[in-house]
Every structure is written in structure tokens, then in C-alpha cells.
């Protein structure tokens, strides 16, 4: 099965030299460990077009419409069972199943070469439905604990400067030491607790220094990138709601338990916000 496979360079913030599609796919989505070389490549994401059929998107969005009022919190990030059920519906589609198998194979090969280890796969499914009331969920720069990130847009917010778009930082990191990964996660977790205006100011400063790519997604497409080495965040949403299903594959095992501790702190924050 063949896919229409393109690079996702949209609204680039810096003028970096272009590379061929083949070079970009080999050197950035699944990069080598040479960070100096990586900084010269601008294509960080693969786009697979027209993978998710429109009737399935309608079914998923109808399910969200019917249940969203009962979610706590309302953005759906705790609805893991529903997110997994949506992913299973997608896997019943031959095109999506073949695509997921293909990119998982590439991620495994990268992990064996770059991380020098075999990593098991227990996919993590995340549902995100973000509107104007969820500004605290925007400008949260982070690296994923997993190697492979598959982003499936379900519905877009109204177009504009603040529409929840995904933003990828061009300079990718080297991932070699668990301690360095832990310290990075701890700093970014602290940054997430800052007020909105400070988070957005930090992102703007980083963009001016290193450059970013703003990825304008289309429902029906699937977007794939290496979230372990690529710093990323989402913009805020001014009007409407942006819905996204995210599937993470292959936990690199570098978090030293920090991911579970931070998740527990977030859960506590959510419960306190609901009580008060």
C-alpha cells in the first residue's frame, strides 16, 4: 500500500537551507545523534495525506459531542479509554493500520541505532479538545517520553493567529543520558506552571533564537514526528475548538520515573481545580 507522503514545512520562522525529501526524512524525523548537523535541516515532520476517512471522523466527533459535558477536565486529557477506542476504530481501516505499522518499524530501527537499546511498545493514547477556556494548556513546551508521536487532527478551531496549531522547534536534541533528560523535564515542568504571558514570552524568545515550524494540520491527514528529540508545543485557541487524537509509541525509558510523578502532580491540580 502506497501513501502520499510529504514533509510538513509550514510557516517557517527562519530561513534554513532546503534539503531533498529523502534527506529530510532520513536526517530529521529520525535524526542521527549529530545535533550540529541537525540544526541545518528544517523538515521535522512527515505528513500522510487522506488516511482517515471522513465518515469515521464524523463518527468520532459525534461521540465527543455526546459525552464531552461529562468529562473532568473538559479538554479530555483524562479520557484515555475513549482515546484508545478511537485508535482501535482507526486501526480497523486498512490504510491507517498499514501506516501505523510502517512508521512503527521506522521508529524501532531508529531506537536500535540511536538509543542502543530494544524498547517495548505499549502505546499511549491521548485525546485533546481545547478551546478558548483552556489557555493554560497552550505554550507548554515539552519533549515526549516516547520516540514516535502520531497526531491525528479530528476538528480544527477557526483559523487565525491563535488556532491551537502545533509548533515544532527546529533544533533537535541529542538523547544519551537519563539524568540530563530528567533535569530537562523538571525545568520544563516548572515552566508549565508559569502564567500564560510568561510562557508565551519564553516561546517567542526561543523562536527568535532557534526558529520554529508552525504545522497547519488538516483532518484526514496523519502527522508523524520524533517527539523524544523534538521540542514542541501548541498555540492557544481564540475561537472554536481544536480536537486531536495523539498516539505515542515506544517509551524510551529515560524519564527515571519522573513522567509518573509529574502526571500525579497534574492529576492533583485537576482535582483541586474541580473542587474549588
Protein backbone atom coordinates (compact mmCIF):
# COMPACT_ATOMS: atom_id res chain seq x y z
CA UNK A 1 0.00 0.00 0.00
CA UNK A 2 1.41 3.40 -1.01
CA UNK A 3 0.84 6.65 0.84
CA UNK A 4 1.13 10.22 -0.30
CA UNK A 5 3.99 11.18 1.99
CA UNK A 6 5.20 14.75 2.24
CA UNK A 7 7.22 16.96 4.56
CA UNK A 8 5.34 19.35 6.83
CA UNK A 9 7.20 22.62 6.44
CA UNK A 10 4.68 25.37 7.19
CA UNK A 11 5.22 28.97 8.32
CA UNK A 12 8.93 28.55 8.96
CA UNK A 13 10.36 31.12 11.34
CA UNK A 14 13.89 31.02 9.98
CA UNK A 15 15.43 30.71 6.51
CA UNK A 16 17.31 27.45 6.68
CA UNK A 17 18.66 25.74 3.54
CA UNK A 18 16.35 23.25 1.84
CA UNK A 19 17.07 19.52 1.61
CA UNK A 20 15.65 16.88 -0.64
CA UNK A 21 12.66 14.88 0.67
CA UNK A 22 14.83 11.78 1.04
CA UNK A 23 17.50 13.62 3.03
CA UNK A 24 14.91 15.30 5.21
CA UNK A 25 13.12 12.06 6.08
CA UNK A 26 16.37 10.30 6.94
CA UNK A 27 18.05 13.12 8.86
CA UNK A 28 15.33 14.95 10.76
CA UNK A 29 12.22 12.92 11.55
CA UNK A 30 14.54 10.05 12.57
CA UNK A 31 17.75 12.01 13.06
CA UNK A 32 21.29 10.94 13.72
CA UNK A 33 22.79 11.97 17.05
CA UNK A 34 24.78 14.81 15.46
CA UNK A 35 22.99 17.86 16.86
CA UNK A 36 25.17 20.36 14.99
CA UNK A 37 24.19 18.75 11.70
CA UNK A 38 20.53 18.50 12.69
CA UNK A 39 20.26 22.25 13.15
CA UNK A 40 20.70 22.76 9.41
CA UNK A 41 17.64 20.68 8.49
CA UNK A 42 14.20 22.23 8.56
CA UNK A 43 11.74 19.42 7.87
CA UNK A 44 10.81 17.82 11.18
CA UNK A 45 7.53 16.07 10.44
CA UNK A 46 6.06 13.61 7.95
CA UNK A 47 2.55 14.19 6.60
CA UNK A 48 0.47 11.27 5.30
CA UNK A 49 -2.47 12.64 3.38
CA UNK A 50 -6.07 11.36 3.21
CA UNK A 51 -5.56 8.42 5.58
CA UNK A 52 -8.60 8.82 7.86
CA UNK A 53 -11.96 8.59 6.02
CA UNK A 54 -14.42 11.45 6.52
CA UNK A 55 -17.28 9.20 7.80
CA UNK A 56 -15.04 7.93 10.60
CA UNK A 57 -14.12 11.49 11.58
CA UNK A 58 -17.83 12.32 11.75
CA UNK A 59 -18.48 9.30 13.97
CA UNK A 60 -15.65 10.17 16.36
CA UNK A 61 -16.69 13.82 16.62
CA UNK A 62 -20.32 12.81 17.22
CA UNK A 63 -19.18 10.61 20.12
CA UNK A 64 -17.22 13.52 21.59
CA UNK A 65 -20.23 15.85 21.22
CA UNK A 66 -22.43 13.37 23.08
CA UNK A 67 -20.07 12.78 26.02
CA UNK A 68 -17.92 15.88 26.46
CA UNK A 69 -20.19 17.53 29.02
CA UNK A 70 -19.35 14.74 31.49
CA UNK A 71 -15.57 14.98 31.15
CA UNK A 72 -13.36 16.16 34.01
CA UNK A 73 -11.35 18.05 32.93
CA UNK A 74 -13.29 19.23 29.90
CA UNK A 75 -10.33 19.08 27.49
CA UNK A 76 -10.43 15.26 27.52
CA UNK A 77 -6.84 14.59 28.50
CA UNK A 78 -8.02 12.11 31.16
CA UNK A 79 -10.30 10.22 28.72
CA UNK A 80 -7.75 7.50 27.99
CA UNK A 81 -10.33 4.75 27.45
CA UNK A 82 -12.19 6.80 24.84
CA UNK A 83 -8.94 7.79 23.14
CA UNK A 84 -7.92 4.14 22.91
CA UNK A 85 -11.31 3.19 21.48
CA UNK A 86 -10.94 5.86 18.78
CA UNK A 87 -7.49 4.48 17.94
CA UNK A 88 -8.91 0.97 17.63
CA UNK A 89 -11.56 2.26 15.24
CA UNK A 90 -8.82 3.84 13.15
CA UNK A 91 -6.88 0.55 13.08
CA UNK A 92 -9.89 -1.19 11.54
CA UNK A 93 -9.18 0.96 8.49
CA UNK A 94 -6.61 -0.77 6.26
CA UNK A 95 -4.81 2.44 5.28
CA UNK A 96 -4.31 3.58 8.85
CA UNK A 97 -3.27 0.11 10.04
CA UNK A 98 -0.64 -0.15 7.29
CA UNK A 99 0.63 3.36 8.02
CA UNK A 100 0.97 2.75 11.74
CA UNK A 101 2.86 -0.49 11.10
CA UNK A 102 5.19 1.30 8.70
CA UNK A 103 6.13 4.21 10.97
CA UNK A 104 6.47 1.92 14.00
CA UNK A 105 9.01 -0.12 12.06
CA UNK A 106 11.00 3.04 11.29
CA UNK A 107 10.82 4.14 14.93
CA UNK A 108 12.14 0.78 16.12
CA UNK A 109 15.04 0.96 13.70
CA UNK A 110 15.90 4.48 14.87
CA UNK A 111 15.73 3.42 18.52
CA UNK A 112 18.08 0.48 17.98
CA UNK A 113 20.61 2.76 16.27
CA UNK A 114 20.34 5.97 18.28
CA UNK A 115 19.45 4.68 21.75
CA UNK A 116 21.38 1.40 21.51
CA UNK A 117 18.54 -0.49 23.14
CA UNK A 118 15.46 -2.56 22.43
CA UNK A 119 12.33 -0.79 23.59
CA UNK A 120 8.94 -2.38 24.12
CA UNK A 121 5.77 -0.83 22.80
CA UNK A 122 2.76 -0.07 24.99
CA UNK A 123 1.01 2.71 23.04
CA UNK A 124 -0.22 5.72 24.97
CA UNK A 125 -3.45 7.25 23.60
CA UNK A 126 -4.30 10.88 24.37
CA UNK A 127 -7.37 12.91 23.42
CA UNK A 128 -7.15 16.70 23.46
CA UNK A 129 -10.13 19.03 22.90
CA UNK A 130 -9.02 22.61 23.55
CA UNK A 131 -10.99 25.85 23.30
CA UNK A 132 -10.64 29.46 24.50
CA UNK A 133 -11.17 28.48 28.15
CA UNK A 134 -8.10 26.22 28.13
CA UNK A 135 -5.32 28.78 27.66
CA UNK A 136 -3.39 27.04 30.45
CA UNK A 137 -2.97 24.08 28.09
CA UNK A 138 -1.11 26.17 25.49
CA UNK A 139 2.55 27.13 25.16
CA UNK A 140 3.57 24.07 27.21
CA UNK A 141 6.92 23.27 25.63
CA UNK A 142 7.89 19.65 26.13
CA UNK A 143 9.69 16.59 24.85
CA UNK A 144 7.74 13.35 24.73
CA UNK A 145 8.88 10.32 26.73
CA UNK A 146 8.07 8.21 23.67
CA UNK A 147 10.00 8.06 20.42
CA UNK A 148 7.12 8.06 17.95
CA UNK A 149 4.28 10.59 18.03
CA UNK A 150 1.31 10.20 15.67
CA UNK A 151 -1.01 13.20 15.59
CA UNK A 152 -4.49 12.77 14.10
CA UNK A 153 -6.48 16.03 13.85
CA UNK A 154 -10.20 15.47 14.37
CA UNK A 155 -11.54 19.03 14.17
CA UNK A 156 -9.89 22.43 13.71
CA UNK A 157 -10.54 25.68 15.53
CA UNK A 158 -11.31 28.77 13.48
CA UNK A 159 -8.29 29.92 11.51
CA UNK A 160 -6.27 32.82 12.83
CA UNK A 161 -3.13 33.57 14.77
CA UNK A 162 -4.45 31.69 17.82
CA UNK A 163 -5.90 28.44 16.47
CA UNK A 164 -4.05 25.81 18.52
CA UNK A 165 -1.55 24.90 15.79
CA UNK A 166 1.32 22.55 16.60
CA UNK A 167 4.72 24.28 16.73
CA UNK A 168 7.99 22.33 16.41
CA UNK A 169 11.34 23.76 17.48
CA UNK A 170 13.87 23.26 14.70
CA UNK A 171 16.92 22.35 16.77
CA UNK A 172 16.60 18.75 17.91
CA UNK A 173 18.37 17.43 20.98
CA UNK A 174 20.68 14.51 21.50
CA UNK A 175 19.27 11.92 23.88
CA UNK A 176 22.02 9.96 25.60
CA UNK A 177 21.80 10.39 29.36
CA UNK A 178 18.81 9.70 31.58
CA UNK A 179 19.95 12.31 34.13
CA UNK A 180 20.07 15.10 31.54
CA UNK A 181 16.64 14.06 30.29
CA UNK A 182 15.32 14.17 33.86
CA UNK A 183 16.73 17.66 34.50
CA UNK A 184 15.24 18.92 31.24
CA UNK A 185 11.82 17.53 32.11
CA UNK A 186 11.98 19.08 35.58
CA UNK A 187 12.76 22.52 34.14
CA UNK A 188 10.00 22.31 31.53
CA UNK A 189 7.55 21.11 34.17
CA UNK A 190 8.41 24.22 36.22
CA UNK A 191 7.90 26.34 33.09
CA UNK A 192 4.41 24.87 32.65
CA UNK A 193 3.37 26.39 35.96
CA UNK A 194 4.20 29.94 34.88
CA UNK A 195 1.46 32.39 33.86
CA UNK A 196 0.34 32.39 30.22
CA UNK A 197 2.10 35.65 29.33
CA UNK A 198 5.44 34.37 30.67
CA UNK A 199 5.15 31.03 28.85
CA UNK A 200 4.33 32.74 25.57
CA UNK A 201 7.21 35.20 26.08
CA UNK A 202 9.67 32.35 26.66
CA UNK A 203 8.46 30.64 23.49
CA UNK A 204 8.78 33.88 21.49
CA UNK A 205 12.35 34.31 22.71
CA UNK A 206 13.20 30.72 21.80
CA UNK A 207 11.68 31.18 18.34
CA UNK A 208 13.80 34.26 17.70
CA UNK A 209 16.98 32.39 18.65
CA UNK A 210 16.48 28.89 17.24
CA UNK A 211 13.47 29.11 14.93
CA UNK A 212 10.30 27.03 14.81
CA UNK A 213 7.92 25.46 12.33
CA UNK A 214 4.19 26.02 12.68
CA UNK A 215 2.32 22.98 11.39
CA UNK A 216 -1.09 23.67 9.89
CA UNK A 217 -2.96 20.38 10.16
CA UNK A 218 -5.87 19.05 8.09
CA UNK A 219 -8.38 16.47 9.38
CA UNK A 220 -7.97 13.23 7.47
CA UNK A 221 -4.18 13.52 7.41
CA UNK A 222 -1.82 11.87 9.89
CA UNK A 223 1.26 13.72 11.17
CA UNK A 224 4.29 11.80 12.43
CA UNK A 225 7.39 13.08 14.24
CA UNK A 226 10.02 12.05 16.75
CA UNK A 227 8.71 13.65 19.93
CA UNK A 228 11.60 12.39 22.03
CA UNK A 229 14.12 14.71 20.36
CA UNK A 230 11.84 17.49 19.07
CA UNK A 231 10.73 20.22 21.48
CA UNK A 232 7.13 21.17 20.69
CA UNK A 233 4.02 22.93 21.96
CA UNK A 234 0.59 24.12 20.84
CA UNK A 235 -0.71 27.65 20.41
CA UNK A 236 -3.77 28.83 22.29
CA UNK A 237 -7.26 28.76 20.75
CA UNK A 238 -9.20 32.02 20.42
CA UNK A 239 -12.39 30.82 18.70
CA UNK A 240 -13.88 27.35 18.35
CA UNK A 241 -12.33 24.07 19.47
CA UNK A 242 -9.38 22.05 18.28
CA UNK A 243 -9.70 18.27 18.67
CA UNK A 244 -6.76 15.94 18.32
CA UNK A 245 -6.05 12.27 18.93
CA UNK A 246 -2.41 11.54 19.74
CA UNK A 247 -0.81 8.09 19.76
CA UNK A 248 2.63 7.68 21.35
CA UNK A 249 4.73 4.58 20.63
CA UNK A 250 7.94 3.29 22.26
CA UNK A 251 8.73 4.76 25.66
CA UNK A 252 12.49 5.36 25.61
CA UNK A 253 12.80 4.64 29.33
CA UNK A 254 14.79 7.81 30.05
CA UNK A 255 12.41 9.52 32.46
CA UNK A 256 13.61 7.70 35.61
CA UNK A 257 10.04 7.71 36.95
CA UNK A 258 9.70 11.48 36.51
CA UNK A 259 6.89 11.13 33.99
CA UNK A 260 4.70 9.29 36.51
CA UNK A 261 5.47 11.78 39.30
CA UNK A 262 4.63 14.76 37.07
CA UNK A 263 1.45 13.07 35.90
CA UNK A 264 0.43 12.57 39.54
CA UNK A 265 1.00 16.27 40.24
CA UNK A 266 -1.11 17.22 37.21
CA UNK A 267 -3.90 14.90 38.38
CA UNK A 268 -3.84 16.56 41.80
CA UNK A 269 -4.03 20.00 40.20
CA UNK A 270 -7.03 18.89 38.14
CA UNK A 271 -8.86 17.56 41.21
CA UNK A 272 -8.17 20.76 43.18
CA UNK A 273 -9.39 22.90 40.29
CA UNK A 274 -12.61 20.83 40.15
CA UNK A 275 -13.20 21.19 43.91
CA UNK A 276 -12.52 24.92 44.02
